[in-house]
């Protein structure tokens, strides 16, 4: 069972074939010896009450590293930061998502301290994915989070596009956009660090990795933002075989944006969170090509407004069309090339609430 967790093949959309090349975090068989001997997870969810032995009272037993690895049923996705797996435990009674980080240079105490801080903040906001537990071992570091069977916003949008139909209607899209804005607003409202030296202090007022694949969707189409603070837990990995990368540049067009325009800002600051939120808005409204057609959109706003040019990938008319166009304006403002000119998330949330209240 344990060897299956390390050697099972996966489907790679990039290569279009099954591959046994797992990732840089995979352990060799010799590394497994001595590592699997019941190493317990550290719980950071205070709702899991414990008895005197430290066992979680909501669980039949305190989960161990062995339990997690033997319960893995498949890889859900990869990013430069981590690999995400689905884990089914306690005979199917609990389902989790496990994010296994590729490279961590933080010491055990600092890693645990940071995870506990992120977990505490996430419990205070209903629009953030909560963290349940974590593990810090010599050759493996991961966090255990809630699992969302609907997948991510990226999954839903891509699934609908692949089948040639609209996966989400306008009201669902508006609700998701609003919930993402609420999550970012909560994060940005936190106190700034004493120093911007992230080797010593976490920037709790910045997300750092806002993108549609990090927006998890509930069955009622409410949304939660995941991976809050994770970029400050791990070391960046530039060269890796990932499933979820930056949006590809659109085909060359006289009216398209400059090829040098960034489609995803990785800088750790609030204005980068706002920029990446703007990308999510354009992707949610007009599809992935809309992200690279900012200049074209600006030049044809009136034509889009007057229904002389197609933009929205979902059926919208009347009041809803006006709402969608107002949200498009918000998204374009987020993508201003000058960071200082981008609105604050408080302004953005206020404007989105005004749009939603007119529904």
Protein backbone atom coordinates (compact mmCIF):
# COMPACT_ATOMS: atom_id res chain seq x y z
CA UNK A 1 0.00 0.00 0.00
CA UNK A 2 2.77 2.42 0.90
CA UNK A 3 4.74 1.76 -2.24
CA UNK A 4 1.59 2.44 -4.30
CA UNK A 5 1.45 5.93 -2.85
CA UNK A 6 4.87 6.65 -4.32
CA UNK A 7 4.81 4.72 -7.57
CA UNK A 8 1.29 4.85 -8.95
CA UNK A 9 1.16 6.36 -12.46
CA UNK A 10 -0.66 9.58 -13.16
CA UNK A 11 -2.20 11.19 -16.18
CA UNK A 12 -0.27 14.17 -17.45
CA UNK A 13 -2.34 16.59 -19.59
CA UNK A 14 0.92 18.13 -20.70
CA UNK A 15 2.31 14.91 -22.13
CA UNK A 16 -0.99 13.17 -22.89
CA UNK A 17 0.23 9.91 -21.43
CA UNK A 18 0.67 8.06 -18.20
CA UNK A 19 3.87 8.90 -16.44
CA UNK A 20 5.73 7.43 -13.49
CA UNK A 21 7.80 10.57 -13.07
CA UNK A 22 6.02 11.80 -9.97
CA UNK A 23 7.88 14.95 -8.95
CA UNK A 24 10.89 16.21 -7.08
CA UNK A 25 9.22 15.45 -3.75
CA UNK A 26 8.96 11.70 -4.35
CA UNK A 27 10.83 9.57 -1.88
CA UNK A 28 13.03 6.70 -2.93
CA UNK A 29 12.09 3.36 -1.43
CA UNK A 30 15.14 3.51 0.85
CA UNK A 31 13.89 6.82 2.26
CA UNK A 32 10.61 5.24 3.34
CA UNK A 33 12.29 2.95 5.86
CA UNK A 34 11.99 4.44 9.33
CA UNK A 35 9.74 7.26 8.13
CA UNK A 36 6.44 5.44 8.15
CA UNK A 37 6.53 4.21 11.73
CA UNK A 38 3.37 5.88 12.92
CA UNK A 39 4.52 9.49 12.68
CA UNK A 40 1.42 11.44 13.83
CA UNK A 41 0.07 14.57 12.20
CA UNK A 42 -0.04 17.85 14.11
CA UNK A 43 -3.62 19.11 14.33
CA UNK A 44 -4.19 22.83 13.90
CA UNK A 45 -8.00 22.62 13.86
CA UNK A 46 -9.18 23.56 17.35
CA UNK A 47 -12.59 22.04 16.61
CA UNK A 48 -10.92 18.63 16.88
CA UNK A 49 -11.07 18.12 20.65
CA UNK A 50 -8.52 15.75 22.11
CA UNK A 51 -8.47 13.35 25.01
CA UNK A 52 -5.61 13.11 27.52
CA UNK A 53 -3.51 11.03 25.15
CA UNK A 54 -3.75 13.73 22.46
CA UNK A 55 -6.04 11.67 20.22
CA UNK A 56 -8.57 13.62 18.23
CA UNK A 57 -12.01 12.79 19.70
CA UNK A 58 -13.76 13.30 16.35
CA UNK A 59 -11.56 10.63 14.75
CA UNK A 60 -11.30 6.94 15.62
CA UNK A 61 -7.51 7.36 15.85
CA UNK A 62 -4.96 10.10 15.48
CA UNK A 63 -3.96 10.00 11.77
CA UNK A 64 -0.36 9.20 10.96
CA UNK A 65 1.82 9.66 7.91
CA UNK A 66 1.22 6.00 7.10
CA UNK A 67 -2.56 6.60 7.15
CA UNK A 68 -2.34 9.53 4.76
CA UNK A 69 -0.07 7.80 2.24
CA UNK A 70 -2.01 4.55 2.24
CA UNK A 71 -5.32 6.44 1.86
CA UNK A 72 -4.28 8.50 -1.16
CA UNK A 73 -6.57 7.77 -4.10
CA UNK A 74 -5.14 10.07 -6.73
CA UNK A 75 -3.36 13.26 -7.69
CA UNK A 76 -5.73 16.17 -8.30
CA UNK A 77 -3.19 18.68 -9.53
CA UNK A 78 0.29 20.14 -9.32
CA UNK A 79 1.78 23.59 -9.12
CA UNK A 80 5.28 24.98 -8.67
CA UNK A 81 4.61 24.96 -4.92
CA UNK A 82 3.03 21.61 -4.23
CA UNK A 83 1.23 18.50 -5.40
CA UNK A 84 -2.39 18.04 -4.31
CA UNK A 85 -3.85 14.61 -3.61
CA UNK A 86 -7.27 13.35 -2.56
CA UNK A 87 -7.19 11.26 0.63
CA UNK A 88 -10.10 9.10 1.82
CA UNK A 89 -9.80 8.06 5.47
CA UNK A 90 -11.78 6.19 8.11
CA UNK A 91 -13.49 3.88 5.61
CA UNK A 92 -14.78 6.78 3.57
CA UNK A 93 -16.13 8.82 6.48
CA UNK A 94 -13.68 11.67 5.96
CA UNK A 95 -12.21 13.01 2.73
CA UNK A 96 -9.32 15.46 2.71
CA UNK A 97 -7.02 17.20 0.27
CA UNK A 98 -3.30 16.91 0.98
CA UNK A 99 -0.85 19.48 -0.34
CA UNK A 100 2.65 18.03 -0.41
CA UNK A 101 5.18 20.82 -0.72
CA UNK A 102 8.03 20.44 -3.17
CA UNK A 103 10.79 22.23 -1.28
CA UNK A 104 10.83 23.64 2.23
CA UNK A 105 13.89 25.19 3.83
CA UNK A 106 12.15 26.42 6.99
CA UNK A 107 13.00 24.62 10.20
CA UNK A 108 10.40 22.46 11.91
CA UNK A 109 9.45 24.98 14.59
CA UNK A 110 9.15 27.92 12.16
CA UNK A 111 7.18 25.84 9.65
CA UNK A 112 4.74 24.75 12.37
CA UNK A 113 4.43 28.29 13.69
CA UNK A 114 3.57 29.63 10.25
CA UNK A 115 1.06 26.88 9.49
CA UNK A 116 -0.64 27.48 12.84
CA UNK A 117 -0.88 31.22 12.07
CA UNK A 118 -2.40 30.55 8.64
CA UNK A 119 -4.80 27.98 10.13
CA UNK A 120 -5.91 30.41 12.81
CA UNK A 121 -6.57 33.16 10.29
CA UNK A 122 -8.40 30.80 7.94
CA UNK A 123 -10.79 29.73 10.70
CA UNK A 124 -11.83 33.37 11.12
CA UNK A 125 -13.06 33.77 7.53
CA UNK A 126 -15.77 31.65 5.92
CA UNK A 127 -14.32 32.39 2.48
CA UNK A 128 -10.95 30.75 3.13
CA UNK A 129 -10.23 27.01 2.98
CA UNK A 130 -9.58 25.78 6.55
CA UNK A 131 -6.47 23.80 7.48
CA UNK A 132 -6.92 20.69 9.60
CA UNK A 133 -3.44 19.30 10.21
CA UNK A 134 0.14 19.29 8.99
CA UNK A 135 3.25 17.15 9.03
CA UNK A 136 6.92 18.05 9.05
CA UNK A 137 9.20 15.09 8.38
CA UNK A 138 12.77 14.97 7.15
CA UNK A 139 11.83 14.35 3.53
CA UNK A 140 8.14 15.30 3.43
CA UNK A 141 6.12 18.33 4.47
CA UNK A 142 2.40 18.70 3.84
CA UNK A 143 -0.85 20.21 5.08
CA UNK A 144 -4.25 18.54 5.32
CA UNK A 145 -7.24 20.65 4.23
CA UNK A 146 -10.93 20.21 3.49
CA UNK A 147 -11.83 18.48 0.23
CA UNK A 148 -14.30 20.05 -2.22
CA UNK A 149 -15.93 17.52 -4.59
CA UNK A 150 -16.95 20.27 -7.03
CA UNK A 151 -13.27 21.03 -7.56
CA UNK A 152 -11.84 24.44 -8.31
CA UNK A 153 -13.16 27.33 -10.34
CA UNK A 154 -10.57 26.43 -12.98
CA UNK A 155 -11.96 22.87 -13.10
CA UNK A 156 -15.55 24.05 -13.53
CA UNK A 157 -14.74 26.58 -16.23
CA UNK A 158 -12.49 24.21 -18.16
CA UNK A 159 -15.00 21.37 -17.89
CA UNK A 160 -17.81 23.45 -19.34
CA UNK A 161 -15.63 24.76 -22.15
CA UNK A 162 -14.41 21.28 -23.06
CA UNK A 163 -18.02 20.13 -23.43
CA UNK A 164 -19.01 23.23 -25.38
CA UNK A 165 -21.55 24.52 -22.89
CA UNK A 166 -21.76 27.00 -20.05
CA UNK A 167 -20.94 25.35 -16.74
CA UNK A 168 -22.03 28.34 -14.65
CA UNK A 169 -24.78 30.91 -15.07
CA UNK A 170 -24.31 34.61 -14.36
CA UNK A 171 -25.62 34.59 -10.77
CA UNK A 172 -23.29 31.73 -9.86
CA UNK A 173 -20.33 33.54 -11.41
CA UNK A 174 -21.19 36.77 -9.64
CA UNK A 175 -21.45 34.97 -6.29
CA UNK A 176 -18.06 33.29 -6.80
CA UNK A 177 -16.41 36.59 -7.74
CA UNK A 178 -17.95 38.25 -4.68
CA UNK A 179 -16.73 35.49 -2.35
CA UNK A 180 -13.19 35.68 -3.72
CA UNK A 181 -13.22 39.44 -3.16
CA UNK A 182 -14.42 38.92 0.43
CA UNK A 183 -11.59 36.45 1.06
CA UNK A 184 -8.93 38.81 -0.31
CA UNK A 185 -10.45 41.75 1.60
CA UNK A 186 -10.20 39.78 4.85
CA UNK A 187 -6.55 38.96 4.15
CA UNK A 188 -5.64 42.53 3.17
CA UNK A 189 -7.27 43.87 6.35
CA UNK A 190 -4.69 42.13 8.54
CA UNK A 191 -1.89 44.09 10.16
CA UNK A 192 1.29 44.45 8.09
CA UNK A 193 4.42 42.65 9.36
CA UNK A 194 7.00 44.41 11.50
CA UNK A 195 9.50 43.81 8.71
CA UNK A 196 9.12 42.68 5.10
CA UNK A 197 11.87 40.14 5.68
CA UNK A 198 9.80 36.97 5.12
CA UNK A 199 12.63 34.89 6.53
CA UNK A 200 11.62 36.26 9.93
CA UNK A 201 8.08 37.56 9.58
CA UNK A 202 5.12 36.35 7.55
CA UNK A 203 3.11 38.86 5.58
CA UNK A 204 -0.33 37.84 6.80
CA UNK A 205 -1.92 40.71 4.86
CA UNK A 206 -1.02 39.20 1.45
CA UNK A 207 -2.23 36.00 -0.21
CA UNK A 208 0.51 35.70 -2.83
CA UNK A 209 -1.04 33.08 -5.13
CA UNK A 210 -4.53 34.20 -6.19
CA UNK A 211 -5.66 32.18 -9.22
CA UNK A 212 -8.72 30.23 -10.36
CA UNK A 213 -7.20 26.85 -9.51
CA UNK A 214 -6.96 28.04 -5.90
CA UNK A 215 -10.66 28.92 -5.71
CA UNK A 216 -12.56 25.91 -4.36
CA UNK A 217 -16.28 25.57 -5.07
CA UNK A 218 -18.95 24.16 -2.73
CA UNK A 219 -22.03 22.29 -3.91
CA UNK A 220 -24.08 25.47 -3.45
CA UNK A 221 -21.56 27.32 -5.66
CA UNK A 222 -20.20 29.34 -2.79
CA UNK A 223 -16.42 29.78 -3.03
CA UNK A 224 -13.42 29.55 -0.72
CA UNK A 225 -9.91 30.73 -1.49
CA UNK A 226 -7.14 28.21 -0.78
CA UNK A 227 -3.34 28.33 -0.45
CA UNK A 228 -3.37 31.44 1.74
CA UNK A 229 0.19 32.02 2.96
CA UNK A 230 1.60 28.90 1.30
CA UNK A 231 4.11 30.86 -0.80
CA UNK A 232 5.73 31.84 2.50
CA UNK A 233 6.04 28.22 3.61
CA UNK A 234 7.99 26.86 0.68
CA UNK A 235 10.88 27.65 -1.65
CA UNK A 236 10.00 28.53 -5.26
CA UNK A 237 10.61 25.76 -7.79
CA UNK A 238 11.12 27.07 -11.31
CA UNK A 239 11.67 23.88 -13.32
CA UNK A 240 8.94 21.33 -12.69
CA UNK A 241 6.33 19.33 -14.58
CA UNK A 242 3.15 21.05 -13.44
CA UNK A 243 -0.47 20.70 -14.45
CA UNK A 244 -1.60 24.19 -13.55
CA UNK A 245 0.63 26.87 -15.00
CA UNK A 246 0.24 30.46 -16.05
CA UNK A 247 -2.35 31.04 -18.78
CA UNK A 248 -0.71 30.64 -22.19
CA UNK A 249 -0.34 33.76 -24.33
CA UNK A 250 -3.13 34.23 -26.87
CA UNK A 251 -2.52 33.86 -30.60
CA UNK A 252 -0.79 36.92 -32.12
CA UNK A 253 -3.27 39.58 -33.09
CA UNK A 254 -2.97 43.24 -34.02
CA UNK A 255 -5.45 44.09 -31.29
CA UNK A 256 -4.11 41.79 -28.61
CA UNK A 257 -1.99 42.82 -25.66
CA UNK A 258 1.76 43.01 -25.87
CA UNK A 259 3.43 39.58 -25.74
CA UNK A 260 5.54 40.85 -22.87
CA UNK A 261 2.48 41.54 -20.72
CA UNK A 262 2.47 39.35 -17.60
CA UNK A 263 -0.54 37.06 -17.20
CA UNK A 264 0.15 36.29 -13.56
CA UNK A 265 1.96 38.43 -11.03
CA UNK A 266 4.07 36.48 -8.54
CA UNK A 267 5.27 39.49 -6.55
CA UNK A 268 4.31 39.22 -2.88
CA UNK A 269 2.25 42.37 -2.39
CA UNK A 270 -1.39 43.40 -2.21
CA UNK A 271 -1.38 45.05 -5.64
CA UNK A 272 -0.31 41.72 -7.16
CA UNK A 273 -3.26 40.02 -5.43
CA UNK A 274 -5.52 42.65 -7.01
CA UNK A 275 -3.96 42.11 -10.45
CA UNK A 276 -4.45 38.34 -10.24
CA UNK A 277 -8.03 38.85 -9.07
CA UNK A 278 -8.59 40.87 -12.24
CA UNK A 279 -7.35 37.91 -14.27
CA UNK A 280 -9.90 35.67 -12.53
CA UNK A 281 -12.67 38.14 -13.36
CA UNK A 282 -11.81 38.26 -17.07
CA UNK A 283 -11.42 34.49 -17.24
CA UNK A 284 -14.77 33.97 -15.47
CA UNK A 285 -16.58 36.42 -17.75
CA UNK A 286 -15.06 35.86 -21.15
CA UNK A 287 -12.89 32.76 -21.12
CA UNK A 288 -9.12 32.24 -20.97
CA UNK A 289 -8.40 34.24 -24.15
CA UNK A 290 -9.97 37.31 -22.53
CA UNK A 291 -6.99 37.56 -20.19
CA UNK A 292 -4.68 38.31 -23.12
CA UNK A 293 -7.12 40.62 -24.92
CA UNK A 294 -7.19 43.46 -22.43
CA UNK A 295 -6.31 46.11 -25.03
CA UNK A 296 -8.88 44.74 -27.45
CA UNK A 297 -11.54 44.83 -24.72
CA UNK A 298 -10.71 48.42 -23.87
CA UNK A 299 -10.99 49.40 -27.55
CA UNK A 300 -14.31 47.62 -28.01
CA UNK A 301 -16.13 48.28 -24.75
CA UNK A 302 -18.92 50.20 -26.44
CA UNK A 303 -19.38 47.48 -29.05
CA UNK A 304 -19.59 44.89 -26.27
CA UNK A 305 -22.04 47.06 -24.36
CA UNK A 306 -24.23 47.48 -27.45
CA UNK A 307 -24.07 43.75 -28.24
CA UNK A 308 -22.22 44.41 -31.49
CA UNK A 309 -19.27 42.32 -30.29
CA UNK A 310 -19.30 39.05 -28.39
CA UNK A 311 -17.40 38.77 -25.14
CA UNK A 312 -19.33 37.00 -22.39
CA UNK A 313 -19.22 33.22 -22.69
CA UNK A 314 -22.58 32.78 -20.94
CA UNK A 315 -26.08 33.88 -21.87
CA UNK A 316 -26.80 37.29 -20.41
CA UNK A 317 -29.27 40.06 -21.24
CA UNK A 318 -31.09 43.02 -19.76
CA UNK A 319 -30.21 43.82 -16.15
CA UNK A 320 -27.77 40.90 -15.95
CA UNK A 321 -25.87 42.17 -18.97
CA UNK A 322 -25.45 45.54 -17.29
CA UNK A 323 -24.22 43.83 -14.15
CA UNK A 324 -21.74 41.73 -16.10
CA UNK A 325 -20.40 44.78 -17.89
CA UNK A 326 -19.94 46.60 -14.57
CA UNK A 327 -17.95 43.63 -13.22
CA UNK A 328 -15.89 43.65 -16.42
CA UNK A 329 -15.02 47.29 -15.71
CA UNK A 330 -13.84 46.26 -12.23
CA UNK A 331 -11.67 43.52 -13.69
CA UNK A 332 -10.05 45.88 -16.18
CA UNK A 333 -9.26 48.35 -13.39
CA UNK A 334 -7.51 45.55 -11.48
CA UNK A 335 -5.27 44.93 -14.51
CA UNK A 336 -3.93 48.46 -14.74
CA UNK A 337 -0.26 48.27 -15.74
CA UNK A 338 0.62 50.75 -12.99
CA UNK A 339 0.25 49.01 -9.60
CA UNK A 340 -0.49 52.27 -7.77
CA UNK A 341 -3.41 52.93 -10.10
CA UNK A 342 -5.13 49.65 -9.29
CA UNK A 343 -8.02 49.99 -6.81
CA UNK A 344 -7.74 48.60 -3.30
CA UNK A 345 -9.63 45.43 -2.53
CA UNK A 346 -11.92 47.46 -0.26
CA UNK A 347 -12.93 49.61 -3.24
CA UNK A 348 -13.33 46.53 -5.41
CA UNK A 349 -15.52 44.76 -2.83
CA UNK A 350 -17.67 47.86 -2.42
CA UNK A 351 -18.23 48.08 -6.18
CA UNK A 352 -19.03 44.36 -6.51
CA UNK A 353 -21.50 44.58 -3.63
CA UNK A 354 -23.21 47.50 -5.38
CA UNK A 355 -23.53 45.37 -8.51
CA UNK A 356 -24.86 42.33 -6.65
CA UNK A 357 -27.40 44.36 -4.66
CA UNK A 358 -28.96 45.51 -7.93
CA UNK A 359 -29.67 41.92 -8.94
